């Protein structure tokens, strides 16, 4: 066992693991614990926000969208031919998990008492229901058969309450295509994603209804919604598809435009990027506060042990040996504070994730409760970064022992 480690461990044990050390040292340890807990919560909340919002955007829509290069400003889009020639290129691209045709059509939903502007989103049997099935609060998903266009729809709980609709109720929707057209639909299910931008707007229906309204062919759609296997490769996959389809022209002469969910929702992802900056600021401030409190604690320890320093020097211990003694002691105290900080931070994250104690305004934050998601990798990196930064800050006060002479320590009171 190294001499420095042995001496530091004896000091630590003699002081009851830090419990009998001066108040300033105990405050420093508490400061490390609170600082790490705050850092854990900050990272967990931001990761939770990004994960939840990304899942909602991708679950309701897609990771990547392929549409007509012309006329992509509104939901009244120009169609593209989503035949096998296009699907084969997209589905064979690396990281693509599924490609699904979709169509949108703005309209007016009307009941006996209320009117509401909506966007009818048409899907076909290849649609991935996993996200909406988890969001269902009433009824079931659509049953799309090959016999003919289905009149079933999924509406949000927001629209259901606004228009006083329940499952099996019917309603009229009005659309404009050269002239006014009306269609009667029934409510097959009610969903609630908690993402009000979508819930206030979209009604899910059979894509063949939109094709008939617009006079499109059976293989025409507003575009393709693409789900990918690895979200971390979103930008690379989007760029790869864009390059592959840059020279592609469908059977009706349409050029294609490829956009990722980040490009389709720049305001939302810009807001999330700003949150990342806030977390970086919080981490720097918390590490600085924890480091300075530990510096003051280490200075107190040095003053408390100044006679011991003189005795060790008189027996031939070098300045480096004594510095390492106090660095080891600092490591023990910081480790104790970090252990407590991890317990507090992880405990609060688990409570919030399980019981959703802290609520949010969904109309502002897109979520109804504060999310908390912390991966093992993030936890390890945060702990490693915190202890490395704090220990580096301990180098300066530990050098004070170099200026202490044995003669001065004998007279020190």
Protein backbone atom coordinates (compact mmCIF):
# COMPACT_ATOMS: atom_id res chain seq x y z
CA UNK A 1 0.00 0.00 0.00
CA UNK A 2 1.35 3.46 -0.90
CA UNK A 3 2.41 5.57 2.11
CA UNK A 4 0.32 8.57 1.00
CA UNK A 5 -2.81 6.44 0.60
CA UNK A 6 -2.23 4.79 4.01
CA UNK A 7 -1.87 8.13 5.87
CA UNK A 8 -4.90 9.68 4.09
CA UNK A 9 -7.02 6.64 4.90
CA UNK A 10 -6.01 6.75 8.59
CA UNK A 11 -6.91 10.45 8.77
CA UNK A 12 -10.25 9.79 7.09
CA UNK A 13 -11.10 6.91 9.43
CA UNK A 14 -9.89 8.79 12.49
CA UNK A 15 -12.35 11.54 11.65
CA UNK A 16 -15.22 9.08 11.30
CA UNK A 17 -15.39 9.25 7.52
CA UNK A 18 -15.57 13.04 7.66
CA UNK A 19 -18.28 13.28 10.32
CA UNK A 20 -15.93 14.72 12.95
CA UNK A 21 -14.13 17.06 10.59
CA UNK A 22 -14.61 20.85 10.87
CA UNK A 23 -18.02 22.26 9.80
CA UNK A 24 -16.45 23.90 6.73
CA UNK A 25 -15.35 20.48 5.46
CA UNK A 26 -18.76 18.93 6.04
CA UNK A 27 -20.38 21.86 4.23
CA UNK A 28 -17.99 21.29 1.32
CA UNK A 29 -19.00 17.62 1.14
CA UNK A 30 -22.69 18.59 1.20
CA UNK A 31 -21.97 21.14 -1.54
CA UNK A 32 -20.47 18.42 -3.73
CA UNK A 33 -23.51 16.21 -3.11
CA UNK A 34 -26.01 18.96 -3.94
CA UNK A 35 -24.01 20.08 -6.96
CA UNK A 36 -23.92 16.59 -8.43
CA UNK A 37 -27.62 16.04 -7.69
CA UNK A 38 -28.49 19.27 -9.53
CA UNK A 39 -26.28 18.27 -12.46
CA UNK A 40 -27.90 14.83 -12.65
CA UNK A 41 -31.38 16.34 -12.59
CA UNK A 42 -30.48 18.93 -15.24
CA UNK A 43 -29.07 16.33 -17.62
CA UNK A 44 -31.93 13.89 -16.94
CA UNK A 45 -34.60 16.52 -17.60
CA UNK A 46 -33.02 17.74 -20.84
CA UNK A 47 -32.43 14.19 -22.09
CA UNK A 48 -36.02 13.38 -21.12
CA UNK A 49 -37.38 16.42 -22.96
CA UNK A 50 -35.45 15.60 -26.11
CA UNK A 51 -36.34 11.91 -26.01
CA UNK A 52 -40.07 12.46 -25.40
CA UNK A 53 -40.48 15.19 -28.00
CA UNK A 54 -38.44 13.32 -30.60
CA UNK A 55 -40.52 10.20 -29.99
CA UNK A 56 -43.77 12.16 -30.35
CA UNK A 57 -42.69 13.86 -33.57
CA UNK A 58 -41.35 10.64 -35.09
CA UNK A 59 -44.20 8.51 -33.74
CA UNK A 60 -46.96 10.70 -35.14
CA UNK A 61 -45.12 11.56 -38.32
CA UNK A 62 -41.73 10.21 -39.29
CA UNK A 63 -38.00 10.65 -38.97
CA UNK A 64 -37.66 11.59 -42.63
CA UNK A 65 -40.24 12.74 -45.18
CA UNK A 66 -40.08 12.51 -48.97
CA UNK A 67 -42.44 14.84 -50.83
CA UNK A 68 -42.87 16.61 -54.14
CA UNK A 69 -40.15 19.18 -54.77
CA UNK A 70 -42.87 21.70 -55.73
CA UNK A 71 -45.74 22.89 -53.57
CA UNK A 72 -44.62 21.78 -50.11
CA UNK A 73 -45.72 24.86 -48.22
CA UNK A 74 -49.20 23.78 -47.13
CA UNK A 75 -51.08 20.57 -46.37
CA UNK A 76 -52.72 20.88 -49.82
CA UNK A 77 -49.75 19.22 -51.50
CA UNK A 78 -48.88 18.11 -55.01
CA UNK A 79 -48.75 14.30 -55.23
CA UNK A 80 -45.90 11.99 -56.09
CA UNK A 81 -46.08 8.44 -57.41
CA UNK A 82 -45.24 6.11 -54.51
CA UNK A 83 -44.83 2.96 -56.57
CA UNK A 84 -42.42 0.08 -56.15
CA UNK A 85 -39.62 1.83 -58.04
CA UNK A 86 -39.46 4.54 -55.36
CA UNK A 87 -40.13 2.22 -52.42
CA UNK A 88 -37.35 -0.16 -53.43
CA UNK A 89 -34.76 2.65 -53.45
CA UNK A 90 -35.88 3.96 -50.07
CA UNK A 91 -36.29 0.62 -48.31
CA UNK A 92 -32.88 -0.63 -49.46
CA UNK A 93 -31.15 2.43 -48.05
CA UNK A 94 -29.08 1.74 -44.88
CA UNK A 95 -30.81 2.48 -41.55
CA UNK A 96 -34.31 2.72 -43.10
CA UNK A 97 -36.76 0.59 -41.12
CA UNK A 98 -40.05 1.40 -42.85
CA UNK A 99 -41.46 3.62 -45.60
CA UNK A 100 -45.18 4.50 -45.53
CA UNK A 101 -47.23 6.49 -48.07
CA UNK A 102 -49.33 9.30 -46.62
CA UNK A 103 -51.58 12.10 -47.82
CA UNK A 104 -52.97 15.25 -46.20
CA UNK A 105 -56.04 17.33 -46.97
CA UNK A 106 -57.19 20.45 -45.05
CA UNK A 107 -60.88 20.66 -44.31
CA UNK A 108 -63.64 21.69 -41.96
CA UNK A 109 -65.10 19.28 -39.43
CA UNK A 110 -68.72 20.02 -38.63
CA UNK A 111 -71.18 18.76 -36.03
CA UNK A 112 -74.60 20.07 -35.02
CA UNK A 113 -73.10 22.55 -32.56
CA UNK A 114 -69.48 23.21 -33.55
CA UNK A 115 -67.12 23.74 -36.49
CA UNK A 116 -63.38 23.12 -36.46
CA UNK A 117 -60.65 23.37 -39.06
CA UNK A 118 -58.70 20.12 -39.35
CA UNK A 119 -56.19 18.31 -41.53
CA UNK A 120 -57.22 14.87 -42.70
CA UNK A 121 -54.15 12.63 -42.72
CA UNK A 122 -54.52 9.56 -44.89
CA UNK A 123 -52.62 6.36 -44.19
CA UNK A 124 -52.59 2.92 -45.80
CA UNK A 125 -52.32 -0.65 -44.38
CA UNK A 126 -48.51 -0.37 -44.12
CA UNK A 127 -48.82 2.32 -41.43
CA UNK A 128 -47.02 1.67 -38.13
CA UNK A 129 -49.62 1.95 -35.37
CA UNK A 130 -47.26 1.44 -32.42
CA UNK A 131 -47.19 5.08 -31.32
CA UNK A 132 -50.89 5.85 -31.78
CA UNK A 133 -51.90 2.54 -30.21
CA UNK A 134 -50.05 3.57 -27.04
CA UNK A 135 -51.80 6.96 -27.20
CA UNK A 136 -55.33 5.57 -27.53
CA UNK A 137 -57.72 6.57 -24.75
CA UNK A 138 -60.85 5.13 -26.31
CA UNK A 139 -61.78 2.79 -29.18
CA UNK A 140 -59.32 1.11 -31.55
CA UNK A 141 -57.14 1.77 -34.59
CA UNK A 142 -58.53 1.83 -38.13
CA UNK A 143 -59.47 -1.36 -39.97
CA UNK A 144 -58.29 -0.85 -43.54
CA UNK A 145 -59.49 -3.56 -45.90
CA UNK A 146 -59.01 -3.98 -49.64
CA UNK A 147 -62.76 -3.86 -50.31
CA UNK A 148 -62.99 -0.09 -50.48
CA UNK A 149 -62.20 3.19 -48.72
CA UNK A 150 -62.98 3.07 -45.01
CA UNK A 151 -64.99 5.85 -43.35
CA UNK A 152 -63.39 5.18 -39.96
CA UNK A 153 -61.26 7.89 -38.37
CA UNK A 154 -59.11 8.52 -35.33
CA UNK A 155 -59.57 11.89 -33.68
CA UNK A 156 -57.77 13.46 -30.73
CA UNK A 157 -59.27 13.83 -27.29
CA UNK A 158 -58.99 17.60 -27.79
CA UNK A 159 -61.26 17.48 -30.86
CA UNK A 160 -63.54 14.91 -29.22
CA UNK A 161 -64.17 17.22 -26.26
CA UNK A 162 -64.48 20.32 -28.41
CA UNK A 163 -67.00 18.73 -30.77
CA UNK A 164 -68.64 16.40 -28.22
CA UNK A 165 -67.76 13.25 -30.15
CA UNK A 166 -67.29 9.70 -28.91
CA UNK A 167 -66.48 6.39 -30.53
CA UNK A 168 -69.08 5.26 -33.08
CA UNK A 169 -70.35 8.85 -33.48
CA UNK A 170 -70.47 10.26 -37.00
CA UNK A 171 -69.61 13.71 -38.32
CA UNK A 172 -69.38 15.60 -41.60
CA UNK A 173 -66.13 16.97 -43.00
CA UNK A 174 -66.06 19.53 -45.81
CA UNK A 175 -63.23 19.91 -48.31
CA UNK A 176 -62.45 22.15 -51.25
CA UNK A 177 -61.23 20.70 -54.55
CA UNK A 178 -62.49 22.80 -57.45
CA UNK A 179 -65.83 22.71 -55.58
CA UNK A 180 -67.04 21.96 -52.05
CA UNK A 181 -67.21 18.28 -51.18
CA UNK A 182 -68.59 16.66 -48.06
CA UNK A 183 -67.73 13.28 -46.56
CA UNK A 184 -69.33 11.50 -43.64
CA UNK A 185 -66.97 9.76 -41.22
CA UNK A 186 -67.32 7.73 -38.03
CA UNK A 187 -65.10 7.86 -34.95
CA UNK A 188 -63.26 4.55 -34.55
CA UNK A 189 -60.95 5.72 -31.77
CA UNK A 190 -59.76 8.68 -29.72
CA UNK A 191 -56.07 9.37 -29.12
CA UNK A 192 -54.15 11.76 -26.88
CA UNK A 193 -50.46 12.26 -27.66
CA UNK A 194 -50.05 15.22 -25.30
CA UNK A 195 -48.54 17.10 -28.25
CA UNK A 196 -51.14 19.79 -28.77
CA UNK A 197 -49.74 20.99 -32.10
CA UNK A 198 -50.82 17.64 -33.54
CA UNK A 199 -53.84 16.91 -31.35
CA UNK A 200 -55.60 20.14 -32.32
CA UNK A 201 -55.13 19.53 -36.01
CA UNK A 202 -54.98 15.98 -37.31
CA UNK A 203 -57.72 13.45 -38.01
CA UNK A 204 -56.41 10.05 -39.15
CA UNK A 205 -58.28 8.40 -42.02
CA UNK A 206 -57.95 6.04 -44.98
CA UNK A 207 -55.61 7.45 -47.64
CA UNK A 208 -58.06 6.36 -50.34
CA UNK A 209 -60.52 8.98 -49.13
CA UNK A 210 -58.02 11.74 -49.91
CA UNK A 211 -57.12 10.19 -53.25
CA UNK A 212 -60.79 10.25 -54.23
CA UNK A 213 -61.24 13.82 -53.01
CA UNK A 214 -58.26 15.00 -55.04
CA UNK A 215 -58.85 12.78 -58.06
CA UNK A 216 -55.47 11.07 -57.64
CA UNK A 217 -54.47 7.67 -58.97
CA UNK A 218 -54.23 4.69 -56.61
CA UNK A 219 -50.44 4.96 -56.43
CA UNK A 220 -50.29 8.73 -55.81
CA UNK A 221 -49.66 10.18 -52.35
CA UNK A 222 -48.53 13.40 -50.70
CA UNK A 223 -45.28 11.63 -49.94
CA UNK A 224 -43.48 8.95 -47.96
CA UNK A 225 -42.95 8.90 -44.21
CA UNK A 226 -39.75 7.06 -43.30
CA UNK A 227 -38.85 5.53 -39.95
CA UNK A 228 -35.20 4.79 -39.26
CA UNK A 229 -33.60 2.18 -37.01
CA UNK A 230 -30.92 4.35 -35.37
CA UNK A 231 -31.93 7.91 -34.50
CA UNK A 232 -28.32 8.96 -33.93
CA UNK A 233 -27.79 8.50 -37.69
CA UNK A 234 -30.72 10.74 -38.64
CA UNK A 235 -28.71 13.43 -40.43
CA UNK A 236 -26.51 10.93 -42.26
CA UNK A 237 -29.52 8.87 -43.37
CA UNK A 238 -31.39 11.96 -44.55
CA UNK A 239 -28.37 13.18 -46.51
CA UNK A 240 -27.83 9.73 -48.03
CA UNK A 241 -31.47 9.50 -49.18
CA UNK A 242 -31.34 13.03 -50.53
CA UNK A 243 -28.29 12.12 -52.63
CA UNK A 244 -29.90 8.91 -53.89
CA UNK A 245 -33.16 10.64 -54.86
CA UNK A 246 -31.64 13.86 -56.19
CA UNK A 247 -31.79 12.59 -59.77
CA UNK A 248 -34.89 10.40 -59.34
CA UNK A 249 -38.00 11.36 -61.30
CA UNK A 250 -41.25 9.43 -60.82
CA UNK A 251 -43.44 8.16 -63.64
CA UNK A 252 -45.27 11.51 -63.85
CA UNK A 253 -42.10 13.62 -64.00
CA UNK A 254 -42.05 14.79 -60.37
CA UNK A 255 -38.77 15.56 -58.61
CA UNK A 256 -38.49 14.70 -54.92
CA UNK A 257 -37.50 16.60 -51.79
CA UNK A 258 -36.06 14.81 -48.73
CA UNK A 259 -36.27 16.48 -45.31
CA UNK A 260 -35.56 15.20 -41.81
CA UNK A 261 -37.76 15.84 -38.79
CA UNK A 262 -35.26 18.49 -37.66
CA UNK A 263 -35.73 20.37 -40.93
CA UNK A 264 -39.51 19.99 -40.78
CA UNK A 265 -39.67 21.29 -37.18
CA UNK A 266 -36.86 23.86 -36.90
CA UNK A 267 -38.49 25.89 -34.11
CA UNK A 268 -38.95 22.90 -31.81
CA UNK A 269 -35.43 21.56 -32.31
CA UNK A 270 -34.00 25.06 -32.06
CA UNK A 271 -35.68 25.34 -28.66
CA UNK A 272 -34.17 22.00 -27.61
CA UNK A 273 -30.72 23.17 -28.71
CA UNK A 274 -31.09 26.26 -26.51
CA UNK A 275 -31.88 23.96 -23.58
CA UNK A 276 -28.60 22.16 -24.23
CA UNK A 277 -26.75 25.45 -23.79
CA UNK A 278 -28.57 26.04 -20.49
CA UNK A 279 -27.47 22.64 -19.21
CA UNK A 280 -23.84 23.33 -20.12
CA UNK A 281 -24.01 26.59 -18.14
CA UNK A 282 -25.57 24.79 -15.16
CA UNK A 283 -22.89 22.06 -15.24
CA UNK A 284 -20.06 24.61 -15.33
CA UNK A 285 -21.56 26.63 -12.47
CA UNK A 286 -22.24 23.57 -10.30
CA UNK A 287 -18.73 22.17 -10.84
CA UNK A 288 -17.24 25.58 -10.03
CA UNK A 289 -19.30 25.96 -6.84
CA UNK A 290 -18.52 22.40 -5.73
CA UNK A 291 -14.84 22.88 -6.51
CA UNK A 292 -14.50 26.13 -4.59
CA UNK A 293 -16.31 24.76 -1.55
CA UNK A 294 -13.93 21.79 -1.57
CA UNK A 295 -10.96 24.15 -1.91
CA UNK A 296 -12.04 25.96 1.24
CA UNK A 297 -12.59 22.61 2.97
CA UNK A 298 -9.13 21.36 1.99
CA UNK A 299 -7.52 24.57 3.27
CA UNK A 300 -9.23 24.02 6.62
CA UNK A 301 -7.96 20.43 6.69
CA UNK A 302 -4.41 21.63 5.97
CA UNK A 303 -4.63 24.14 8.82
CA UNK A 304 -5.99 21.45 11.16
CA UNK A 305 -3.14 19.08 10.23
CA UNK A 306 -0.28 21.58 10.06
CA UNK A 307 1.61 19.98 12.97
CA UNK A 308 1.33 16.60 11.25
CA UNK A 309 2.74 18.17 8.08
CA UNK A 310 5.74 19.46 10.03
CA UNK A 311 6.35 16.09 11.66
CA UNK A 312 6.19 14.27 8.31
CA UNK A 313 8.64 16.78 6.79
CA UNK A 314 11.01 16.44 9.73
CA UNK A 315 11.04 12.67 9.12
CA UNK A 316 12.02 13.21 5.48
CA UNK A 317 8.66 13.26 3.66
CA UNK A 318 8.83 15.32 0.49
CA UNK A 319 6.38 18.00 -0.54
CA UNK A 320 5.04 15.66 -3.24
CA UNK A 321 4.26 12.95 -0.70
CA UNK A 322 2.36 15.37 1.55
CA UNK A 323 0.48 16.85 -1.41
CA UNK A 324 -0.63 13.38 -2.43
CA UNK A 325 -1.80 12.67 1.12
CA UNK A 326 -4.21 15.58 0.97
CA UNK A 327 -5.26 14.76 -2.57
CA UNK A 328 -6.17 11.23 -1.47
CA UNK A 329 -8.08 12.69 1.48
CA UNK A 330 -9.88 15.07 -0.88
CA UNK A 331 -10.75 12.12 -3.10
CA UNK A 332 -12.32 10.26 -0.16
CA UNK A 333 -14.41 13.30 0.82
CA UNK A 334 -15.44 14.11 -2.77
CA UNK A 335 -16.32 10.45 -3.30
CA UNK A 336 -18.54 10.52 -0.24
CA UNK A 337 -20.29 13.66 -1.48
CA UNK A 338 -20.72 12.21 -4.95
CA UNK A 339 -22.20 8.99 -3.57
CA UNK A 340 -24.79 11.02 -1.67
CA UNK A 341 -25.42 13.20 -4.73
CA UNK A 342 -26.01 10.16 -6.93
CA UNK A 343 -28.46 8.68 -4.45
CA UNK A 344 -30.41 11.94 -4.20
CA UNK A 345 -30.33 12.75 -7.92
CA UNK A 346 -31.19 9.27 -9.17
CA UNK A 347 -33.85 8.90 -6.47
CA UNK A 348 -35.61 12.11 -7.53
CA UNK A 349 -35.41 11.06 -11.20
CA UNK A 350 -36.99 7.70 -10.42
CA UNK A 351 -39.78 9.29 -8.36
CA UNK A 352 -40.54 11.80 -11.13
CA UNK A 353 -40.47 9.12 -13.82
CA UNK A 354 -42.78 6.84 -11.81
CA UNK A 355 -45.26 9.29 -10.29
CA UNK A 356 -44.86 12.43 -12.49
CA UNK A 357 -44.99 14.73 -9.47
CA UNK A 358 -43.94 17.89 -11.32
CA UNK A 359 -46.52 18.88 -13.95
CA UNK A 360 -46.17 21.10 -17.02
CA UNK A 361 -48.45 23.10 -19.28
CA UNK A 362 -48.67 20.90 -22.40
CA UNK A 363 -49.66 23.86 -24.59
CA UNK A 364 -46.29 25.50 -23.86
CA UNK A 365 -43.88 22.61 -23.27
CA UNK A 366 -45.53 19.87 -25.42
CA UNK A 367 -45.54 17.58 -22.36
CA UNK A 368 -47.86 17.37 -19.36
CA UNK A 369 -45.14 16.41 -16.85
CA UNK A 370 -41.41 16.99 -16.39
CA UNK A 371 -39.62 14.05 -18.05
CA UNK A 372 -36.59 12.42 -16.44
CA UNK A 373 -34.43 10.10 -18.50
CA UNK A 374 -30.83 9.29 -17.61
CA UNK A 375 -28.79 6.66 -19.45
CA UNK A 376 -25.98 4.70 -17.83
CA UNK A 377 -23.50 6.29 -20.23
CA UNK A 378 -24.60 9.81 -19.28
CA UNK A 379 -24.46 8.92 -15.58
CA UNK A 380 -20.92 7.56 -15.83
CA UNK A 381 -19.64 10.45 -17.97
CA UNK A 382 -21.17 13.03 -15.64
CA UNK A 383 -19.63 11.42 -12.54
CA UNK A 384 -16.27 11.02 -14.24
CA UNK A 385 -16.26 14.62 -15.47
CA UNK A 386 -17.33 16.00 -12.09
CA UNK A 387 -14.73 14.12 -10.04
CA UNK A 388 -11.96 14.89 -12.58
CA UNK A 389 -12.74 18.62 -12.63
CA UNK A 390 -13.04 18.82 -8.84
CA UNK A 391 -9.80 16.90 -8.23
CA UNK A 392 -7.94 19.17 -10.66
CA UNK A 393 -9.14 22.14 -8.66
CA UNK A 394 -7.67 20.49 -5.53
CA UNK A 395 -4.14 20.71 -6.96
CA UNK A 396 -3.78 24.40 -6.12
CA UNK A 397 -4.53 24.26 -2.36
CA UNK A 398 -2.53 21.04 -2.01
CA UNK A 399 0.57 22.93 -3.15
CA UNK A 400 0.35 25.15 -0.06
CA UNK A 401 2.08 22.40 1.91
CA UNK A 402 5.26 23.10 -0.08
CA UNK A 403 5.62 26.49 1.68
CA UNK A 404 5.29 25.02 5.18
CA UNK A 405 8.61 24.42 7.00
CA UNK A 406 9.06 22.09 10.00
CA UNK A 407 10.36 24.97 12.17
CA UNK A 408 7.18 26.98 11.58
CA UNK A 409 4.90 24.06 12.45
CA UNK A 410 6.52 23.57 15.85
CA UNK A 411 5.55 27.16 16.80
CA UNK A 412 2.10 26.94 15.14
CA UNK A 413 -0.91 27.21 17.47
